[in-house]
Amino acid sequence: MSKVIPNILFIYISDEFGEDEQLALEDIFELNSQEVNWKIVCLKNTQIQMRVEQFGKNRFIALDKKPNENFDRTIKELLNEEILRGVNIIHVFGSNYLGSVLPWLLGNRNVSVVVSEGPRVRKTIWHFIQSFFYYRIDAIIVPSVALKKRIQQMRPSLVHKIRVVHPGLDFNIFNPQHFDFSFLRDQWGIDLKCYLVGMIASSEYVKAQSAFIKAAASFLRNEELAKRTKFVIVGFDHEGSEELIDLIRTFHLQDQIILVPFQESVPKVLGTLDVYVMPSSKAMFGLQAIESLAMGTPIICANGPDSGEWIGNSRGGLLMRSGDSFDLQRKLRSILEDPEELKQMGKRAVHFAREHYDRNTRTQKLIQVFDRVLRKRPSKK
């Protein structure tokens, strides 16, 4: 029996460009170098469209507006056209638009359906309606064991279709040996002998930044610790952050907390830190946490469904109560008062990341999923 070549239509209807979108595009870029034909349906004038344009106009279909989440006839016509052109796998990112994909495929078992489910698993009335068509899904790809368990609880009938495929990193890029970490410290005016504790800002997680500042204030009351520790918030936007700036002034931390703009090189930022902090469980799934592990930087991370998986298994950091500044400063003390353990955490983090989050391994596992669903298709007569 000859091997069937995957001919995939990716459907990713999103106007955002967060970790989920970046991971999806990395998958497509990697698959582009393999024996895989593909095209993506996306929204016009989004980061997704702009980044796939390099492959040519025949690689994407850009919609003018978001389709209906259920029974959208534009999606029906689009699917019919692409299937006639030879598409044999429909790969949907997220479950929001399954109600406008699955119903039109009920009568066509020659096309496989794969779903990449991100962390936003929730039960709504629309998902209840969509669940009538879930049997048409051939495979669900999730990034963590914790997410697999959550989906199993919500959709027990799909247990046998869920496949865990961890995020993957390019270790030619995320390699601590490839960087001079003194550069950013010099730029930020931070002595090489100081511990540097940092977080990456996000407008979505203002409370997390507030917890970080309060933890720094409590931690730095100890004069000895204050002499050898600095804090940095990377990607801090002064516009709209007046409350956070006032909080820093209230605690007289202007010289202890460095506020720096967005930096292009995430690996260099993470590797420059001695401890990376993710104070909010709302930031899960945390691709940057895995990137930090790969750069050998221990993490203090909010205890959440996914964070226990990479922190507990890697022993490359500590878990804290989400948004709890007191618990954060307590964990900071314990992690910085034992320099040898801090060093060992970094080594364990790198080993764990390389063992579990390799980009090539992820790509091969994705191809295995595609091959498997194609083999299950009924033969054309």
Protein backbone atom coordinates (compact mmCIF):
# COMPACT_ATOMS: atom_id res chain seq x y z
CA MET A 1 0.00 0.00 0.00
CA SER A 2 1.52 3.32 -1.08
CA LYS A 3 1.92 6.05 1.48
CA VAL A 4 -0.64 8.86 1.32
CA ILE A 5 0.98 12.29 1.41
CA PRO A 6 -0.67 14.69 3.88
CA ASN A 7 -2.41 17.57 2.12
CA ILE A 8 -3.53 19.75 5.01
CA LEU A 9 -5.90 22.67 5.23
CA PHE A 10 -5.12 24.50 8.49
CA ILE A 11 -7.92 26.62 9.91
CA TYR A 12 -6.79 29.23 12.41
CA ILE A 13 -9.28 32.03 12.92
CA SER A 14 -7.55 34.43 15.31
CA ASP A 15 -6.66 38.12 15.33
CA GLU A 16 -4.25 37.68 18.25
CA PHE A 17 -0.60 36.67 18.21
CA GLY A 18 0.16 35.02 21.52
CA GLU A 19 1.87 31.77 22.42
CA ASP A 20 -0.81 29.60 20.78
CA GLU A 21 -0.55 31.41 17.46
CA GLN A 22 3.26 31.42 17.51
CA LEU A 23 3.40 27.70 18.24
CA ALA A 24 0.94 26.98 15.41
CA LEU A 25 2.98 28.96 12.90
CA GLU A 26 6.20 27.27 13.99
CA ASP A 27 4.50 23.94 13.31
CA ILE A 28 3.50 25.06 9.82
CA PHE A 29 6.98 26.38 9.05
CA GLU A 30 8.55 23.10 10.14
CA LEU A 31 6.04 21.01 8.21
CA ASN A 32 6.76 23.14 5.15
CA SER A 33 10.25 21.64 5.09
CA GLN A 34 8.82 18.10 5.23
CA GLU A 35 6.89 16.10 2.66
CA VAL A 36 3.65 17.89 3.48
CA ASN A 37 1.35 19.99 1.31
CA TRP A 38 -0.54 22.71 3.16
CA LYS A 39 -2.68 25.83 3.05
CA ILE A 40 -4.03 27.94 5.91
CA VAL A 41 -7.34 29.75 6.40
CA CYS A 42 -6.83 32.87 8.51
CA LEU A 43 -8.12 36.39 8.99
CA LYS A 44 -7.01 39.19 6.70
CA ASN A 45 -4.38 41.67 7.92
CA THR A 46 -3.38 39.59 10.94
CA GLN A 47 0.08 38.51 12.04
CA ILE A 48 -0.76 35.00 10.87
CA GLN A 49 -1.42 36.15 7.32
CA MET A 50 1.62 38.43 7.26
CA ARG A 51 3.92 35.59 8.33
CA VAL A 52 2.67 33.02 5.83
CA GLU A 53 2.73 35.45 2.90
CA GLN A 54 6.40 34.60 2.39
CA PHE A 55 5.33 31.20 1.05
CA GLY A 56 3.15 32.68 -1.70
CA LYS A 57 -0.51 33.58 -2.22
CA ASN A 58 -1.46 29.99 -2.94
CA ARG A 59 -0.61 29.06 0.66
CA PHE A 60 -3.35 31.01 2.45
CA ILE A 61 -6.97 32.07 2.29
CA ALA A 62 -7.54 35.33 4.18
CA LEU A 63 -11.11 35.94 5.33
CA ASP A 64 -12.42 39.50 5.57
CA LYS A 65 -14.19 38.81 8.86
CA LYS A 66 -14.62 36.10 11.45
CA PRO A 67 -17.10 33.43 10.34
CA ASN A 68 -19.99 32.25 12.45
CA GLU A 69 -18.95 29.71 15.04
CA ASN A 70 -21.69 27.33 13.89
CA PHE A 71 -22.95 26.36 10.42
CA ASP A 72 -21.16 29.11 8.51
CA ARG A 73 -21.90 28.56 4.81
CA THR A 74 -18.78 30.41 3.68
CA ILE A 75 -16.72 27.81 5.49
CA LYS A 76 -18.82 25.08 3.86
CA GLU A 77 -18.07 26.39 0.36
CA LEU A 78 -14.41 26.86 1.20
CA LEU A 79 -14.08 23.30 2.51
CA ASN A 80 -15.79 21.83 -0.55
CA GLU A 81 -13.44 23.70 -2.91
CA GLU A 82 -10.29 22.67 -1.05
CA ILE A 83 -11.36 19.03 -0.78
CA LEU A 84 -11.91 18.97 -4.55
CA ARG A 85 -8.34 20.27 -4.89
CA GLY A 86 -7.02 17.29 -2.95
CA VAL A 87 -7.08 18.25 0.75
CA ASN A 88 -7.19 15.08 2.86
CA ILE A 89 -6.75 16.56 6.37
CA ILE A 90 -8.61 19.48 7.93
CA HIS A 91 -6.58 20.74 10.92
CA VAL A 92 -8.49 23.14 13.16
CA PHE A 93 -6.69 25.18 15.84
CA GLY A 94 -8.95 25.53 18.88
CA SER A 95 -12.55 24.42 19.24
CA ASN A 96 -14.38 27.71 18.65
CA TYR A 97 -15.14 27.06 14.98
CA LEU A 98 -15.68 23.31 15.04
CA GLY A 99 -19.40 23.99 14.72
CA SER A 100 -18.71 25.48 11.30
CA VAL A 101 -16.36 22.71 10.18
CA LEU A 102 -17.61 19.35 11.45
CA PRO A 103 -21.23 19.45 10.25
CA TRP A 104 -20.15 19.87 6.60
CA LEU A 105 -17.83 16.84 6.82
CA LEU A 106 -20.28 14.32 8.26
CA GLY A 107 -20.90 12.82 4.83
CA ASN A 108 -17.26 12.78 3.76
CA ARG A 109 -15.23 10.17 5.62
CA ASN A 110 -12.37 10.41 3.12
CA VAL A 111 -11.13 13.59 4.82
CA SER A 112 -9.56 13.38 8.29
CA VAL A 113 -10.16 16.00 10.99
CA VAL A 114 -7.43 16.96 13.47
CA VAL A 115 -7.91 19.52 16.24
CA SER A 116 -5.15 21.33 18.13
CA GLU A 117 -6.69 22.25 21.47
CA GLY A 118 -5.07 25.12 23.32
CA PRO A 119 -5.40 25.89 27.03
CA ARG A 120 -8.74 27.69 26.76
CA VAL A 121 -10.85 24.60 27.36
CA ARG A 122 -14.26 25.67 28.54
CA LYS A 123 -17.79 24.37 28.53
CA THR A 124 -20.32 26.66 26.87
CA ILE A 125 -23.72 26.13 25.31
CA TRP A 126 -22.09 26.29 21.87
CA HIS A 127 -19.61 23.58 22.79
CA PHE A 128 -22.53 21.48 24.00
CA ILE A 129 -24.18 21.89 20.58
CA GLN A 130 -20.89 21.17 18.82
CA SER A 131 -20.41 18.02 20.89
CA PHE A 132 -23.05 16.26 18.73
CA PHE A 133 -20.50 16.36 15.91
CA TYR A 134 -17.34 15.57 17.91
CA TYR A 135 -17.36 11.93 16.81
CA ARG A 136 -16.19 13.25 13.41
CA ILE A 137 -12.82 14.27 14.94
CA ASP A 138 -10.02 11.79 14.23
CA ALA A 139 -7.36 13.19 16.59
CA ILE A 140 -6.96 15.94 19.19
CA ILE A 141 -3.45 17.30 19.76
CA VAL A 142 -2.72 18.86 23.17
CA PRO A 143 0.53 20.36 24.55
CA SER A 144 0.48 18.80 28.02
CA VAL A 145 -0.68 15.81 30.04
CA ALA A 146 -2.57 18.19 32.34
CA LEU A 147 -4.61 19.51 29.42
CA LYS A 148 -5.29 15.99 28.24
CA LYS A 149 -6.78 15.19 31.65
CA ARG A 150 -8.97 18.31 31.57
CA ILE A 151 -10.35 17.41 28.16
CA GLN A 152 -10.94 13.82 29.30
CA GLN A 153 -13.05 15.13 32.17
CA MET A 154 -15.08 17.42 29.94
CA ARG A 155 -15.36 15.18 26.88
CA PRO A 156 -14.94 11.54 28.02
CA SER A 157 -15.99 10.13 24.64
CA LEU A 158 -12.85 11.62 23.05
CA VAL A 159 -10.31 10.00 25.40
CA HIS A 160 -8.93 7.58 22.80
CA LYS A 161 -8.40 10.40 20.28
CA ILE A 162 -6.22 12.68 22.41
CA ARG A 163 -2.49 12.82 21.66
CA VAL A 164 0.01 14.72 23.82
CA VAL A 165 2.58 16.50 21.66
CA HIS A 166 4.75 18.81 23.73
CA PRO A 167 5.79 22.24 22.40
CA GLY A 168 9.17 22.20 20.71
CA LEU A 169 12.12 24.56 20.78
CA ASP A 170 14.97 25.04 18.34
CA PHE A 171 18.00 24.39 20.54
CA ASN A 172 20.27 26.12 18.07
CA ILE A 173 18.47 29.27 19.24
CA PHE A 174 17.64 28.35 22.84
CA ASN A 175 21.19 27.47 23.80
CA PRO A 176 22.74 29.30 26.78
CA GLN A 177 26.22 28.71 25.38
CA HIS A 178 25.49 30.89 22.35
CA PHE A 179 25.02 34.19 24.22
CA ASP A 180 27.00 36.81 26.08
CA PHE A 181 24.68 37.59 28.98
CA SER A 182 26.81 40.48 30.23
CA PHE A 183 25.55 42.64 27.33
CA LEU A 184 22.04 43.28 28.67
CA ARG A 185 23.30 43.66 32.24
CA ASP A 186 25.69 46.38 31.07
CA GLN A 187 22.86 48.01 29.13
CA TRP A 188 20.60 47.95 32.18
CA GLY A 189 23.35 49.05 34.58
CA ILE A 190 23.29 45.87 36.68
CA ASP A 191 26.46 44.51 38.27
CA LEU A 192 27.40 40.98 37.24
CA LYS A 193 27.68 40.01 40.92
CA CYS A 194 24.03 40.88 41.57
CA TYR A 195 21.25 38.35 41.38
CA LEU A 196 18.78 39.44 38.71
CA VAL A 197 15.13 38.47 39.16
CA GLY A 198 12.82 39.28 36.28
CA MET A 199 9.48 38.85 34.58
CA ILE A 200 8.19 39.69 31.11
CA ALA A 201 5.36 42.22 31.17
CA SER A 202 1.97 41.70 29.61
CA SER A 203 -0.96 44.11 29.47
CA GLU A 204 -3.22 41.12 30.21
CA TYR A 205 -1.57 40.37 33.55
CA VAL A 206 -1.31 43.70 35.36
CA LYS A 207 -2.08 42.01 38.70
CA ALA A 208 0.86 39.68 38.17
CA GLN A 209 3.19 42.67 37.75
CA SER A 210 1.71 44.22 40.88
CA ALA A 211 2.41 41.01 42.83
CA PHE A 212 5.98 41.03 41.48
CA ILE A 213 6.54 44.62 42.69
CA LYS A 214 5.06 43.93 46.13
CA ALA A 215 7.18 40.80 46.50
CA ALA A 216 10.27 42.82 45.58
CA ALA A 217 9.40 45.43 48.21
CA SER A 218 9.07 42.78 50.91
CA PHE A 219 12.18 40.91 49.78
CA LEU A 220 14.35 44.05 49.70
CA ARG A 221 13.59 45.06 53.29
CA ASN A 222 16.53 42.85 54.14
CA GLU A 223 19.54 45.15 53.60
CA GLU A 224 21.89 42.29 52.84
CA LEU A 225 19.58 40.91 50.16
CA ALA A 226 18.99 44.41 48.79
CA LYS A 227 22.73 44.87 48.20
CA ARG A 228 23.01 41.85 45.95
CA THR A 229 19.63 41.62 44.18
CA LYS A 230 17.98 43.61 41.40
CA PHE A 231 14.58 43.20 39.77
CA VAL A 232 13.64 43.85 36.16
CA ILE A 233 10.36 43.98 34.26
CA VAL A 234 11.02 43.47 30.55
CA GLY A 235 8.61 44.84 27.96
CA PHE A 236 7.19 47.38 30.40
CA ASP A 237 4.92 49.92 28.72
CA HIS A 238 4.83 53.18 30.68
CA GLU A 239 1.69 54.28 28.87
CA GLY A 240 -1.29 52.89 30.75
CA SER A 241 0.86 51.59 33.62
CA GLU A 242 0.56 54.58 35.92
CA GLU A 243 -0.72 52.48 38.83
CA LEU A 244 2.30 50.19 38.66
CA ILE A 245 4.70 53.13 38.46
CA ASP A 246 3.00 54.72 41.48
CA LEU A 247 3.37 51.41 43.33
CA ILE A 248 7.11 51.37 42.63
CA ARG A 249 7.40 54.93 43.91
CA THR A 250 5.35 54.16 47.00
CA PHE A 251 7.81 51.43 47.97
CA HIS A 252 10.82 53.57 46.93
CA LEU A 253 11.99 50.93 44.49
CA GLN A 254 13.05 53.20 41.62
CA ASP A 255 16.67 52.04 41.97
CA GLN A 256 15.86 48.39 42.59
CA ILE A 257 13.29 47.62 39.87
CA ILE A 258 14.53 48.28 36.35
CA LEU A 259 11.80 48.92 33.76
CA VAL A 260 12.99 48.13 30.26
CA PRO A 261 11.21 48.06 26.88
CA PHE A 262 10.49 45.02 24.77
CA GLN A 263 13.57 43.07 23.68
CA GLU A 264 13.74 41.21 20.37
CA SER A 265 15.82 38.30 21.70
CA VAL A 266 13.72 36.35 24.19
CA PRO A 267 16.49 33.72 24.72
CA LYS A 268 18.98 36.44 25.61
CA VAL A 269 16.55 38.05 28.08
CA LEU A 270 15.70 34.77 29.80
CA GLY A 271 19.34 33.68 29.95
CA THR A 272 20.38 37.02 31.46
CA LEU A 273 18.11 36.45 34.46
CA ASP A 274 19.07 34.40 37.50
CA VAL A 275 15.42 33.70 38.29
CA TYR A 276 12.43 34.06 35.97
CA VAL A 277 9.06 34.73 37.62
CA MET A 278 5.57 33.92 36.32
CA PRO A 279 3.28 35.07 39.17
CA SER A 280 -0.09 34.39 37.51
CA SER A 281 -1.68 31.04 36.71
CA LYS A 282 -3.72 32.89 34.05
CA ALA A 283 -0.56 32.99 31.93
CA MET A 284 -0.69 29.21 31.46
CA PHE A 285 0.11 27.49 29.12
CA GLY A 286 3.56 29.12 29.53
CA LEU A 287 5.76 28.60 26.49
CA GLN A 288 8.16 31.18 27.94
CA ALA A 289 8.54 28.99 31.02
CA ILE A 290 9.82 26.17 28.84
CA GLU A 291 12.07 28.63 27.02
CA SER A 292 13.44 29.75 30.38
CA LEU A 293 14.19 26.16 31.35
CA ALA A 294 16.02 25.69 28.05
CA MET A 295 18.17 28.74 28.82
CA GLY A 296 19.11 27.29 32.22
CA THR A 297 17.18 29.91 34.20
CA PRO A 298 15.25 28.56 37.22
CA ILE A 299 11.59 29.60 37.47
CA ILE A 300 9.23 30.60 40.24
CA CYS A 301 5.91 29.88 38.65
CA ALA A 302 2.28 30.17 39.73
CA ASN A 303 0.80 26.80 40.58
CA GLY A 304 -1.57 25.92 37.76
CA PRO A 305 -2.81 22.93 35.77
CA ASP A 306 0.24 22.89 33.47
CA SER A 307 2.98 24.49 35.57
CA GLY A 308 3.23 21.58 37.98
CA GLU A 309 3.99 19.37 35.00
CA TRP A 310 7.13 21.19 33.87
CA ILE A 311 8.32 22.54 37.26
CA GLY A 312 7.63 19.38 39.24
CA ASN A 313 9.10 17.06 36.62
CA SER A 314 12.11 19.21 35.77
CA ARG A 315 12.98 20.26 39.35
CA GLY A 316 14.09 23.46 37.64
CA GLY A 317 12.23 25.87 39.89
CA LEU A 318 9.55 26.36 42.53
CA LEU A 319 5.79 26.72 42.51
CA MET A 320 4.00 29.63 44.21
CA ARG A 321 0.41 30.51 44.96
CA SER A 322 -0.97 32.48 42.03
CA GLY A 323 -0.80 36.25 42.57
CA ASP A 324 0.47 35.86 46.17
CA SER A 325 3.28 38.39 46.66
CA PHE A 326 4.12 37.08 50.14
CA ASP A 327 4.56 33.54 48.86
CA LEU A 328 6.63 34.82 45.96
CA GLN A 329 9.10 36.69 48.17
CA ARG A 330 9.33 33.64 50.45
CA LYS A 331 10.17 31.42 47.47
CA LEU A 332 12.69 34.00 46.24
CA ARG A 333 14.50 33.93 49.57
CA SER A 334 14.73 30.15 49.56
CA ILE A 335 15.96 29.98 45.99
CA LEU A 336 18.59 32.74 46.32
CA GLU A 337 19.91 31.74 49.73
CA ASP A 338 21.28 28.50 48.28
CA PRO A 339 23.56 29.42 45.33
CA GLU A 340 24.63 25.82 44.73
CA GLU A 341 21.03 24.59 44.49
CA LEU A 342 20.21 27.51 42.18
CA LYS A 343 23.05 26.40 39.92
CA GLN A 344 21.87 22.78 39.96
CA MET A 345 18.31 23.88 39.16
CA GLY A 346 19.62 25.57 36.04
CA LYS A 347 21.44 22.42 34.94
CA ARG A 348 18.40 20.23 35.57
CA ALA A 349 16.21 22.73 33.68
CA VAL A 350 18.37 22.55 30.53
CA HIS A 351 18.47 18.75 30.63
CA PHE A 352 14.69 18.50 31.08
CA ALA A 353 13.92 20.98 28.28
CA ARG A 354 16.19 19.21 25.81
CA GLU A 355 14.74 15.82 26.69
CA HIS A 356 11.06 16.79 26.45
CA TYR A 357 10.69 19.91 24.27
CA ASP A 358 12.75 19.38 21.14
CA ARG A 359 11.36 21.01 18.00
CA ASN A 360 12.37 18.14 15.68
CA THR A 361 10.72 15.61 17.99
CA ARG A 362 7.50 17.63 17.98
CA THR A 363 7.47 17.82 14.18
CA GLN A 364 7.96 14.08 13.82
CA LYS A 365 5.17 13.38 16.32
CA LEU A 366 2.83 15.67 14.37
CA ILE A 367 3.65 13.82 11.16
CA GLN A 368 2.97 10.52 12.95
CA VAL A 369 -0.48 11.81 13.96
CA PHE A 370 -1.21 12.85 10.36
CA ASP A 371 -0.03 9.48 9.00
CA ARG A 372 -2.15 7.64 11.54
CA VAL A 373 -5.39 9.48 10.75
CA LEU A 374 -4.77 9.07 7.01
CA ARG A 375 -4.33 5.30 7.41
CA LYS A 376 -7.69 5.14 9.15
CA ARG A 377 -9.50 6.76 6.25
CA PRO A 378 -11.74 4.46 4.21
CA SER A 379 -10.27 3.50 0.85
CA LYS A 380 -11.67 5.32 -2.14
CA LYS A 381 -13.55 3.00 -4.48
